[in-house]
PDB file of N, CA and C in Angstrom:
ATOM      1  N   MET A   1     197.332 127.037 179.667  1.00  0.00           N
ATOM      2  CA  MET A   1     196.167 125.929 180.333  1.00  0.00           C
ATOM      3  C   MET A   1     195.724 125.856 181.817  1.00  0.00           C
ATOM      4  N   LYS A   2     194.864 125.661 182.325  1.00  0.00           N
ATOM      5  CA  LYS A   2     194.812 125.595 183.809  1.00  0.00           C
ATOM      6  C   LYS A   2     194.402 124.012 183.699  1.00  0.00           C
ATOM      7  N   VAL A   3     195.478 123.531 184.772  1.00  0.00           N
ATOM      8  CA  VAL A   3     195.179 122.117 185.329  1.00  0.00           C
ATOM      9  C   VAL A   3     195.175 122.287 186.824  1.00  0.00           C
ATOM     10  N   LEU A   4     193.892 121.334 187.146  1.00  0.00           N
ATOM     11  CA  LEU A   4     193.795 120.859 188.626  1.00  0.00           C
ATOM     12  C   LEU A   4     193.931 119.425 188.831  1.00  0.00           C
ATOM     13  N   PHE A   5     195.242 119.403 189.669  1.00  0.00           N
ATOM     14  CA  PHE A   5     195.431 118.272 189.878  1.00  0.00           C
ATOM     15  C   PHE A   5     194.639 117.635 191.385  1.00  0.00           C
ATOM     16  N   ILE A   6     194.152 116.517 191.087  1.00  0.00           N
ATOM     17  CA  ILE A   6     193.359 115.792 192.345  1.00  0.00           C
ATOM     18  C   ILE A   6     194.185 114.459 193.184  1.00  0.00           C
ATOM     19  N   CYS A   7     194.021 114.601 194.187  1.00  0.00           N
ATOM     20  CA  CYS A   7     194.679 113.397 194.938  1.00  0.00           C
ATOM     21  C   CYS A   7     193.333 112.932 196.377  1.00  0.00           C
ATOM     22  N   ASN A   8     193.681 112.219 197.419  1.00  0.00           N
ATOM     23  CA  ASN A   8     192.761 111.904 198.304  1.00  0.00           C
ATOM     24  C   ASN A   8     192.672 113.053 199.135  1.00  0.00           C
ATOM     25  N   GLN A   9     194.045 113.333 199.760  1.00  0.00           N
ATOM     26  CA  GLN A   9     194.123 114.345 200.889  1.00  0.00           C
ATOM     27  C   GLN A   9     194.450 115.899 200.510  1.00  0.00           C
ATOM     28  N   ASN A  10     195.385 115.827 199.180  1.00  0.00           N
ATOM     29  CA  ASN A  10     195.929 116.992 198.708  1.00  0.00           C
ATOM     30  C   ASN A  10     197.231 117.470 199.801  1.00  0.00           C
ATOM     31  N   GLN A  11     197.707 116.249 200.057  1.00  0.00           N
ATOM     32  CA  GLN A  11     199.156 116.620 200.851  1.00  0.00           C
ATOM     33  C   GLN A  11     200.129 116.058 200.225  1.00  0.00           C
ATOM     34  N   ASN A  12     200.020 114.944 199.535  1.00  0.00           N
ATOM     35  CA  ASN A  12     201.460 114.710 198.892  1.00  0.00           C
ATOM     36  C   ASN A  12     201.614 114.818 197.242  1.00  0.00           C
ATOM     37  N   ARG A  13     200.546 113.843 196.556  1.00  0.00           N
ATOM     38  CA  ARG A  13     200.840 113.660 195.458  1.00  0.00           C
ATOM     39  C   ARG A  13     200.239 115.000 194.334  1.00  0.00           C
ATOM     40  N   SER A  14     198.964 115.451 194.515  1.00  0.00           N
ATOM     41  CA  SER A  14     198.670 116.629 193.686  1.00  0.00           C
ATOM     42  C   SER A  14     199.287 118.085 194.060  1.00  0.00           C
ATOM     43  N   LYS A  15     199.565 117.851 195.620  1.00  0.00           N
ATOM     44  CA  LYS A  15     200.207 119.354 196.074  1.00  0.00           C
ATOM     45  C   LYS A  15     201.473 119.415 195.392  1.00  0.00           C
ATOM     46  N   THR A  16     202.504 118.122 195.282  1.00  0.00           N
ATOM     47  CA  THR A  16     203.719 118.053 194.470  1.00  0.00           C
ATOM     48  C   THR A  16     203.495 118.446 192.982  1.00  0.00           C
ATOM     49  N   ALA A  17     202.462 117.783 192.624  1.00  0.00           N
ATOM     50  CA  ALA A  17     202.204 117.826 191.141  1.00  0.00           C
ATOM     51  C   ALA A  17     201.820 119.364 190.714  1.00  0.00           C
ATOM     52  N   ALA A  18     201.488 120.255 191.376  1.00  0.00           N
ATOM     53  CA  ALA A  18     201.029 121.709 191.366  1.00  0.00           C
ATOM     54  C   ALA A  18     201.904 122.806 191.421  1.00  0.00           C
ATOM     55  N   GLU A  19     203.021 122.196 192.447  1.00  0.00           N
ATOM     56  CA  GLU A  19     204.185 123.072 192.473  1.00  0.00           C
ATOM     57  C   GLU A  19     205.041 122.690 191.418  1.00  0.00           C
ATOM     58  N   LEU A  20     205.256 121.296 191.043  1.00  0.00           N
ATOM     59  CA  LEU A  20     206.062 121.048 190.086  1.00  0.00           C
ATOM     60  C   LEU A  20     205.811 121.535 188.785  1.00  0.00           C
ATOM     61  N   PHE A  21     204.781 121.545 188.049  1.00  0.00           N
ATOM     62  CA  PHE A  21     204.386 122.149 186.760  1.00  0.00           C
ATOM     63  C   PHE A  21     203.646 123.643 186.963  1.00  0.00           C
ATOM     64  N   LYS A  22     203.636 124.222 187.843  1.00  0.00           N
ATOM     65  CA  LYS A  22     203.368 125.676 187.659  1.00  0.00           C
ATOM     66  C   LYS A  22     203.897 126.721 186.818  1.00  0.00           C
ATOM     67  N   GLY A  23     205.190 126.359 186.387  1.00  0.00           N
ATOM     68  CA  GLY A  23     205.972 127.114 185.339  1.00  0.00           C
ATOM     69  C   GLY A  23     205.305 126.736 183.903  1.00  0.00           C
ATOM     70  N   ARG A  24     204.991 125.506 183.877  1.00  0.00           N
ATOM     71  CA  ARG A  24     204.301 124.892 182.570  1.00  0.00           C
ATOM     72  C   ARG A  24     202.969 125.092 182.191  1.00  0.00           C
ATOM     73  N   PHE A  25     202.197 125.206 183.303  1.00  0.00           N
ATOM     74  CA  PHE A  25     200.666 125.414 183.392  1.00  0.00           C
ATOM     75  C   PHE A  25     200.335 126.601 184.644  1.00  0.00           C
ATOM     76  N   LYS A  26     198.770 126.756 184.495  1.00  0.00           N
ATOM     77  CA  LYS A  26     198.662 127.289 185.461  1.00  0.00           C
ATOM     78  C   LYS A  26     197.901 126.053 186.343  1.00  0.00           C
ATOM     79  N   THR A  27     198.605 126.176 187.823  1.00  0.00           N
ATOM     80  CA  THR A  27     198.050 124.817 188.514  1.00  0.00           C
ATOM     81  C   THR A  27     197.262 125.150 189.428  1.00  0.00           C
ATOM     82  N   LYS A  28     196.292 124.239 190.115  1.00  0.00           N
ATOM     83  CA  LYS A  28     196.213 124.437 191.605  1.00  0.00           C
ATOM     84  C   LYS A  28     196.010 122.907 192.056  1.00  0.00           C
ATOM     85  N   SER A  29     195.724 122.531 193.155  1.00  0.00           N
ATOM     86  CA  SER A  29     195.419 121.233 193.331  1.00  0.00           C
ATOM     87  C   SER A  29     194.408 121.175 194.623  1.00  0.00           C
ATOM     88  N   ALA A  30     193.773 120.008 194.673  1.00  0.00           N
ATOM     89  CA  ALA A  30     192.637 119.530 195.702  1.00  0.00           C
ATOM     90  C   ALA A  30     192.829 118.068 196.249  1.00  0.00           C
ATOM     91  N   GLY A  31     191.914 118.130 196.769  1.00  0.00           N
ATOM     92  CA  GLY A  31     191.456 116.527 197.571  1.00  0.00           C
ATOM     93  C   GLY A  31     190.229 116.398 197.524  1.00  0.00           C
ATOM     94  N   LEU A  32     189.862 114.947 197.574  1.00  0.00           N
ATOM     95  CA  LEU A  32     188.602 114.391 197.589  1.00  0.00           C
ATOM     96  C   LEU A  32     187.915 114.374 199.105  1.00  0.00           C
ATOM     97  N   TYR A  33     189.244 113.865 199.818  1.00  0.00           N
ATOM     98  CA  TYR A  33     188.695 113.322 201.419  1.00  0.00           C
ATOM     99  C   TYR A  33     189.071 114.399 202.548  1.00  0.00           C
ATOM    100  N   ASN A  34     189.445 115.576 202.224  1.00  0.00           N
ATOM    101  CA  ASN A  34     190.356 116.051 203.261  1.00  0.00           C
ATOM    102  C   ASN A  34     189.233 117.206 203.740  1.00  0.00           C
ATOM    103  N   GLU A  35     189.343 118.398 204.746  1.00  0.00           N
ATOM    104  CA  GLU A  35     188.583 118.848 205.261  1.00  0.00           C
ATOM    105  C   GLU A  35     187.956 119.940 203.931  1.00  0.00           C
ATOM    106  N   MET A  36     188.561 120.227 203.374  1.00  0.00           N
ATOM    107  CA  MET A  36     188.023 121.227 202.069  1.00  0.00           C
ATOM    108  C   MET A  36     188.015 120.513 200.589  1.00  0.00           C
ATOM    109  N   PRO A  37     187.325 119.544 200.626  1.00  0.00           N
ATOM    110  CA  PRO A  37     187.404 118.597 199.177  1.00  0.00           C
ATOM    111  C   PRO A  37     187.333 119.728 198.190  1.00  0.00           C
ATOM    112  N   VAL A  38     187.559 119.025 197.049  1.00  0.00           N
ATOM    113  CA  VAL A  38     187.178 119.649 195.598  1.00  0.00           C
ATOM    114  C   VAL A  38     185.955 120.441 195.433  1.00  0.00           C
ATOM    115  N   THR A  39     185.733 121.345 194.882  1.00  0.00           N
ATOM    116  CA  THR A  39     184.611 122.160 194.899  1.00  0.00           C
ATOM    117  C   THR A  39     184.207 122.090 193.076  1.00  0.00           C
ATOM    118  N   GLU A  40     183.281 122.522 193.057  1.00  0.00           N
ATOM    119  CA  GLU A  40     182.492 122.665 191.500  1.00  0.00           C
ATOM    120  C   GLU A  40     183.178 123.668 191.008  1.00  0.00           C
ATOM    121  N   THR A  41     183.560 124.917 191.682  1.00  0.00           N
ATOM    122  CA  THR A  41     183.867 125.856 191.007  1.00  0.00           C
ATOM    123  C   THR A  41     185.257 125.856 190.765  1.00  0.00           C
ATOM    124  N   GLN A  42     186.232 124.821 191.379  1.00  0.00           N
ATOM    125  CA  GLN A  42     187.425 124.548 191.118  1.00  0.00           C
ATOM    126  C   GLN A  42     187.454 123.855 189.777  1.00  0.00           C
ATOM    127  N   LEU A  43     186.724 122.833 189.587  1.00  0.00           N
ATOM    128  CA  LEU A  43     186.219 122.018 188.751  1.00  0.00           C
ATOM    129  C   LEU A  43     186.101 122.723 187.241  1.00  0.00           C
ATOM    130  N   GLN A  44     185.239 123.780 187.436  1.00  0.00           N
ATOM    131  CA  GLN A  44     184.827 124.530 186.428  1.00  0.00           C
ATOM    132  C   GLN A  44     186.103 125.622 185.703  1.00  0.00           C
ATOM    133  N   TRP A  45     186.838 125.978 186.913  1.00  0.00           N
ATOM    134  CA  TRP A  45     188.130 126.796 186.478  1.00  0.00           C
ATOM    135  C   TRP A  45     189.005 125.932 185.610  1.00  0.00           C
ATOM    136  N   ALA A  46     189.171 124.553 185.670  1.00  0.00           N
ATOM    137  CA  ALA A  46     190.474 124.151 185.089  1.00  0.00           C
ATOM    138  C   ALA A  46     189.805 123.536 183.832  1.00  0.00           C
ATOM    139  N   ASP A  47     191.038 123.568 182.611  1.00  0.00           N
ATOM    140  CA  ASP A  47     190.877 123.028 181.491  1.00  0.00           C
ATOM    141  C   ASP A  47     190.989 121.799 181.618  1.00  0.00           C
ATOM    142  N   ALA A  48     191.945 121.070 182.170  1.00  0.00           N
ATOM    143  CA  ALA A  48     192.081 119.897 182.522  1.00  0.00           C
ATOM    144  C   ALA A  48     192.074 119.208 183.917  1.00  0.00           C
ATOM    145  N   VAL A  49     191.804 118.401 184.341  1.00  0.00           N
ATOM    146  CA  VAL A  49     191.592 117.792 185.705  1.00  0.00           C
ATOM    147  C   VAL A  49     192.572 116.436 185.643  1.00  0.00           C
ATOM    148  N   ILE A  50     193.480 116.068 186.665  1.00  0.00           N
ATOM    149  CA  ILE A  50     194.204 115.235 186.566  1.00  0.00           C
ATOM    150  C   ILE A  50     194.299 114.721 187.623  1.00  0.00           C
ATOM    151  N   VAL A  51     193.813 113.373 187.909  1.00  0.00           N
ATOM    152  CA  VAL A  51     193.746 112.340 189.254  1.00  0.00           C
ATOM    153  C   VAL A  51     194.912 111.704 189.279  1.00  0.00           C
ATOM    154  N   MET A  52     195.057 111.162 190.338  1.00  0.00           N
ATOM    155  CA  MET A  52     195.938 110.073 190.589  1.00  0.00           C
ATOM    156  C   MET A  52     195.996 108.970 190.645  1.00  0.00           C
ATOM    157  N   GLU A  53     194.609 108.465 190.770  1.00  0.00           N
ATOM    158  CA  GLU A  53     194.161 107.196 190.366  1.00  0.00           C
ATOM    159  C   GLU A  53     192.717 107.228 189.983  1.00  0.00           C
ATOM    160  N   GLU A  54     192.657 105.911 189.301  1.00  0.00           N
ATOM    161  CA  GLU A  54     191.462 105.722 188.883  1.00  0.00           C
ATOM    162  C   GLU A  54     190.349 105.982 189.411  1.00  0.00           C
ATOM    163  N   GLU A  55     190.049 105.360 190.810  1.00  0.00           N
ATOM    164  CA  GLU A  55     189.033 105.501 191.644  1.00  0.00           C
ATOM    165  C   GLU A  55     188.847 107.015 192.115  1.00  0.00           C
ATOM    166  N   GLN A  56     189.638 108.013 192.136  1.00  0.00           N
ATOM    167  CA  GLN A  56     189.159 109.199 192.050  1.00  0.00           C
ATOM    168  C   GLN A  56     188.430 109.800 190.994  1.00  0.00           C
ATOM    169  N   ARG A  57     188.843 109.130 189.697  1.00  0.00           N
ATOM    170  CA  ARG A  57     188.195 109.668 188.359  1.00  0.00           C
ATOM    171  C   ARG A  57     186.381 109.417 188.714  1.00  0.00           C
ATOM    172  N   ARG A  58     186.394 108.059 189.366  1.00  0.00           N
ATOM    173  CA  ARG A  58     184.751 107.533 189.562  1.00  0.00           C
ATOM    174  C   ARG A  58     184.269 108.493 190.415  1.00  0.00           C
ATOM    175  N   GLU A  59     184.744 108.778 191.700  1.00  0.00           N
ATOM    176  CA  GLU A  59     184.424 109.390 192.641  1.00  0.00           C
ATOM    177  C   GLU A  59     184.149 110.950 191.886  1.00  0.00           C
ATOM    178  N   LEU A  60     184.719 111.685 191.288  1.00  0.00           N
ATOM    179  CA  LEU A  60     184.373 112.776 190.678  1.00  0.00           C
ATOM    180  C   LEU A  60     183.135 113.084 189.792  1.00  0.00           C
ATOM    181  N   ALA A  61     183.066 111.467 188.917  1.00  0.00           N
ATOM    182  CA  ALA A  61     181.930 111.307 187.994  1.00  0.00           C
ATOM    183  C   ALA A  61     180.405 111.461 189.131  1.00  0.00           C
ATOM    184  N   GLU A  62     180.780 110.456 190.537  1.00  0.00           N
ATOM    185  CA  GLU A  62     179.874 110.685 191.362  1.00  0.00           C
ATOM    186  C   GLU A  62     179.186 111.974 191.964  1.00  0.00           C
ATOM    187  N   ARG A  63     180.202 112.723 192.426  1.00  0.00           N
ATOM    188  CA  ARG A  63     179.962 113.907 193.010  1.00  0.00           C
ATOM    189  C   ARG A  63     179.671 115.348 191.844  1.00  0.00           C
ATOM    190  N   PHE A  64     180.244 114.999 190.757  1.00  0.00           N
ATOM    191  CA  PHE A  64     179.662 116.244 189.769  1.00  0.00           C
ATOM    192  C   PHE A  64     179.811 115.892 188.654  1.00  0.00           C
ATOM    193  N   PRO A  65     178.546 114.938 188.355  1.00  0.00           N
ATOM    194  CA  PRO A  65     178.179 114.403 186.948  1.00  0.00           C
ATOM    195  C   PRO A  65     178.249 115.474 185.661  1.00  0.00           C
ATOM    196  N   LYS A  66     177.654 116.632 186.240  1.00  0.00           N
ATOM    197  CA  LYS A  66     177.625 117.722 184.622  1.00  0.00           C
ATOM    198  C   LYS A  66     179.232 117.924 184.722  1.00  0.00           C
ATOM    199  N   GLN A  67     179.884 118.502 185.634  1.00  0.00           N
ATOM    200  CA  GLN A  67     181.465 118.940 185.418  1.00  0.00           C
ATOM    201  C   GLN A  67     182.183 117.591 184.683  1.00  0.00           C
ATOM    202  N   TYR A  68     181.715 116.340 184.898  1.00  0.00           N
ATOM    203  CA  TYR A  68     182.734 115.766 184.743  1.00  0.00           C
ATOM    204  C   TYR A  68     182.578 115.175 183.258  1.00  0.00           C
ATOM    205  N   MET A  69     181.363 115.269 182.636  1.00  0.00           N
ATOM    206  CA  MET A  69     181.009 114.950 181.428  1.00  0.00           C
ATOM    207  C   MET A  69     181.609 116.271 180.527  1.00  0.00           C
ATOM    208  N   GLN A  70     181.964 117.277 180.787  1.00  0.00           N
ATOM    209  CA  GLN A  70     182.430 118.653 180.309  1.00  0.00           C
ATOM    210  C   GLN A  70     183.544 118.653 180.613  1.00  0.00           C
ATOM    211  N   LYS A  71     184.718 117.846 181.343  1.00  0.00           N
ATOM    212  CA  LYS A  71     186.086 118.216 181.393  1.00  0.00           C
ATOM    213  C   LYS A  71     186.920 117.047 181.009  1.00  0.00           C
ATOM    214  N   ARG A  72     188.182 116.830 180.578  1.00  0.00           N
ATOM    215  CA  ARG A  72     188.802 116.171 179.945  1.00  0.00           C
ATOM    216  C   ARG A  72     189.614 115.797 181.347  1.00  0.00           C
ATOM    217  N   ILE A  73     189.337 114.524 182.192  1.00  0.00           N
ATOM    218  CA  ILE A  73     190.054 113.931 183.055  1.00  0.00           C
ATOM    219  C   ILE A  73     190.882 112.765 182.937  1.00  0.00           C
ATOM    220  N   LEU A  74     192.274 112.774 183.383  1.00  0.00           N
ATOM    221  CA  LEU A  74     193.104 112.147 183.126  1.00  0.00           C
ATOM    222  C   LEU A  74     193.578 111.659 184.871  1.00  0.00           C
ATOM    223  N   SER A  75     193.899 109.995 184.476  1.00  0.00           N
ATOM    224  CA  SER A  75     194.295 109.342 185.563  1.00  0.00           C
ATOM    225  C   SER A  75     195.831 109.090 185.138  1.00  0.00           C
ATOM    226  N   LEU A  76     196.626 109.487 186.410  1.00  0.00           N
ATOM    227  CA  LEU A  76     198.238 108.979 186.201  1.00  0.00           C
ATOM    228  C   LEU A  76     198.581 107.625 186.530  1.00  0.00           C
ATOM    229  N   ASP A  77     197.545 107.150 187.490  1.00  0.00           N
ATOM    230  CA  ASP A  77     197.966 105.899 188.091  1.00  0.00           C
ATOM    231  C   ASP A  77     199.229 105.702 189.092  1.00  0.00           C
ATOM    232  N   ILE A  78     199.462 106.865 189.842  1.00  0.00           N
ATOM    233  CA  ILE A  78     200.067 106.810 190.651  1.00  0.00           C
ATOM    234  C   ILE A  78     199.684 106.690 192.315  1.00  0.00           C
ATOM    235  N   PRO A  79     200.104 105.194 192.715  1.00  0.00           N
ATOM    236  CA  PRO A  79     199.470 104.855 194.159  1.00  0.00           C
ATOM    237  C   PRO A  79     200.057 105.816 195.476  1.00  0.00           C
ATOM    238  N   ASP A  80     198.845 106.201 196.198  1.00  0.00           N
ATOM    239  CA  ASP A  80     199.281 106.847 197.365  1.00  0.00           C
ATOM    240  C   ASP A  80     200.385 106.292 198.307  1.00  0.00           C
ATOM    241  N   VAL A  81     201.576 106.221 197.940  1.00  0.00           N
ATOM    242  CA  VAL A  81     202.629 105.681 198.821  1.00  0.00           C
ATOM    243  C   VAL A  81     203.930 106.420 198.898  1.00  0.00           C
ATOM    244  N   TYR A  82     203.651 107.630 198.112  1.00  0.00           N
ATOM    245  CA  TYR A  82     204.936 108.719 197.976  1.00  0.00           C
ATOM    246  C   TYR A  82     204.390 109.679 199.379  1.00  0.00           C
ATOM    247  N   HIS A  83     205.467 110.454 199.721  1.00  0.00           N
ATOM    248  CA  HIS A  83     205.764 111.730 200.473  1.00  0.00           C
ATOM    249  C   HIS A  83     205.717 112.930 199.812  1.00  0.00           C
ATOM    250  N   TYR A  84     205.377 114.312 200.291  1.00  0.00           N
ATOM    251  CA  TYR A  84     205.148 115.592 199.271  1.00  0.00           C
ATOM    252  C   TYR A  84     206.703 115.577 199.139  1.00  0.00           C
ATOM    253  N   ASN A  85     206.505 115.984 197.956  1.00  0.00           N
ATOM    254  CA  ASN A  85     208.346 116.329 197.137  1.00  0.00           C
ATOM    255  C   ASN A  85     209.201 115.371 197.165  1.00  0.00           C
ATOM    256  N   GLN A  86     208.624 113.945 197.225  1.00  0.00           N
ATOM    257  CA  GLN A  86     209.750 112.738 197.311  1.00  0.00           C
ATOM    258  C   GLN A  86     210.416 112.808 195.903  1.00  0.00           C
ATOM    259  N   PRO A  87     211.458 112.721 195.838  1.00  0.00           N
ATOM    260  CA  PRO A  87     212.366 112.591 194.414  1.00  0.00           C
ATOM    261  C   PRO A  87     211.393 111.352 193.575  1.00  0.00           C
ATOM    262  N   GLU A  88     211.348 110.402 193.904  1.00  0.00           N
ATOM    263  CA  GLU A  88     210.877 109.268 193.024  1.00  0.00           C
ATOM    264  C   GLU A  88     209.215 109.663 192.787  1.00  0.00           C
ATOM    265  N   LEU A  89     208.554 110.558 193.529  1.00  0.00           N
ATOM    266  CA  LEU A  89     207.187 111.117 193.244  1.00  0.00           C
ATOM    267  C   LEU A  89     207.337 111.971 192.135  1.00  0.00           C
ATOM    268  N   ILE A  90     208.169 112.758 191.998  1.00  0.00           N
ATOM    269  CA  ILE A  90     208.909 113.826 191.175  1.00  0.00           C
ATOM    270  C   ILE A  90     208.995 113.301 189.682  1.00  0.00           C
ATOM    271  N   GLU A  91     209.841 111.985 189.728  1.00  0.00           N
ATOM    272  CA  GLU A  91     210.309 111.701 188.510  1.00  0.00           C
ATOM    273  C   GLU A  91     209.116 111.055 187.489  1.00  0.00           C
ATOM    274  N   ILE A  92     208.696 110.297 188.371  1.00  0.00           N
ATOM    275  CA  ILE A  92     206.961 109.573 188.311  1.00  0.00           C
ATOM    276  C   ILE A  92     206.332 110.569 187.278  1.00  0.00           C
ATOM    277  N   LEU A  93     205.903 111.603 188.127  1.00  0.00           N
ATOM    278  CA  LEU A  93     205.103 112.970 187.850  1.00  0.00           C
ATOM    279  C   LEU A  93     205.447 113.592 186.427  1.00  0.00           C
ATOM    280  N   LYS A  94     206.897 114.013 186.342  1.00  0.00           N
ATOM    281  CA  LYS A  94     207.643 114.447 185.146  1.00  0.00           C
ATOM    282  C   LYS A  94     207.240 113.444 183.886  1.00  0.00           C
ATOM    283  N   ARG A  95     207.472 112.074 184.258  1.00  0.00           N
ATOM    284  CA  ARG A  95     207.562 110.911 183.220  1.00  0.00           C
ATOM    285  C   ARG A  95     205.861 111.012 182.976  1.00  0.00           C
ATOM    286  N   LYS A  96     205.096 110.904 183.408  1.00  0.00           N
ATOM    287  CA  LYS A  96     203.649 110.879 183.232  1.00  0.00           C
ATOM    288  C   LYS A  96     203.141 112.021 182.478  1.00  0.00           C
ATOM    289  N   ILE A  97     203.422 113.328 183.004  1.00  0.00           N
ATOM    290  CA  ILE A  97     202.935 114.423 182.185  1.00  0.00           C
ATOM    291  C   ILE A  97     203.576 114.715 180.827  1.00  0.00           C
ATOM    292  N   ASP A  98     204.767 114.161 180.679  1.00  0.00           N
ATOM    293  CA  ASP A  98     205.396 114.106 179.537  1.00  0.00           C
ATOM    294  C   ASP A  98     204.402 113.250 178.205  1.00  0.00           C
ATOM    295  N   GLU A  99     204.132 112.287 178.695  1.00  0.00           N
ATOM    296  CA  GLU A  99     203.350 110.938 178.250  1.00  0.00           C
ATOM    297  C   GLU A  99     202.306 111.624 178.116  1.00  0.00           C
ATOM    298  N   PHE A 100     201.278 112.413 178.684  1.00  0.00           N
ATOM    299  CA  PHE A 100     199.974 112.973 178.323  1.00  0.00           C
ATOM    300  C   PHE A 100     200.094 114.255 178.035  1.00  0.00           C
ATOM    301  N   PHE A 101     201.543 114.896 177.666  1.00  0.00           N
ATOM    302  CA  PHE A 101     201.250 116.176 177.313  1.00  0.00           C
ATOM    303  C   PHE A 101     200.759 116.216 175.756  1.00  0.00           C
ATOM    304  N   PRO A 102     200.820 115.181 174.926  1.00  0.00           N
ATOM    305  CA  PRO A 102     200.164 115.555 173.657  1.00  0.00           C
ATOM    306  C   PRO A 102     198.565 115.404 173.804  1.00  0.00           C
ATOM    307  N   ILE A 103     197.952 114.948 174.696  1.00  0.00           N
ATOM    308  CA  ILE A 103     196.642 115.068 174.926  1.00  0.00           C
ATOM    309  C   ILE A 103     196.158 116.422 175.540  1.00  0.00           C
ATOM    310  N   LEU A 104     197.197 117.046 176.249  1.00  0.00           N
ATOM    311  CA  LEU A 104     196.830 118.044 177.243  1.00  0.00           C
ATOM    312  C   LEU A 104     196.976 119.448 175.849  1.00  0.00           C
ATOM    313  N   ALA A 105     198.158 119.471 175.232  1.00  0.00           N
ATOM    314  CA  ALA A 105     197.929 120.391 174.339  1.00  0.00           C
ATOM    315  C   ALA A 105     197.039 120.215 173.405  1.00  0.00           C
ATOM    316  N   THR A 106     196.141 119.334 173.262  1.00  0.00           N
ATOM    317  CA  THR A 106     195.131 119.357 172.243  1.00  0.00           C
ATOM    318  C   THR A 106     193.929 120.046 172.773  1.00  0.00           C
ATOM    319  N   HIS A 107     193.937 120.327 174.030  1.00  0.00           N
ATOM    320  CA  HIS A 107     192.802 120.478 174.791  1.00  0.00           C
ATOM    321  C   HIS A 107     192.418 122.078 174.492  1.00  0.00           C
TER     322      HIS A 107
END
């Protein structure tokens, strides 16, 4: 399964998640508000899109309405208070992905 992780800048949360789960899924990460924001091509590549906050899901719906309707987009509800590869962030990501795994596996 191809999973695209998205956060605001693609520096901490989504980048950590993509590296953490690359053995479990084919992963990529992207940001919404960085120099090279997420593209339509990246969204098309993904089987599932995982955002870190609900606001990011709304932003994807605005920017890419067609792809938004075609993709399973899950929000992990992880605030932007963590650093790249921070142990607490890694633990939260593991727990949340384990919770969502039944949903992801049915995709």
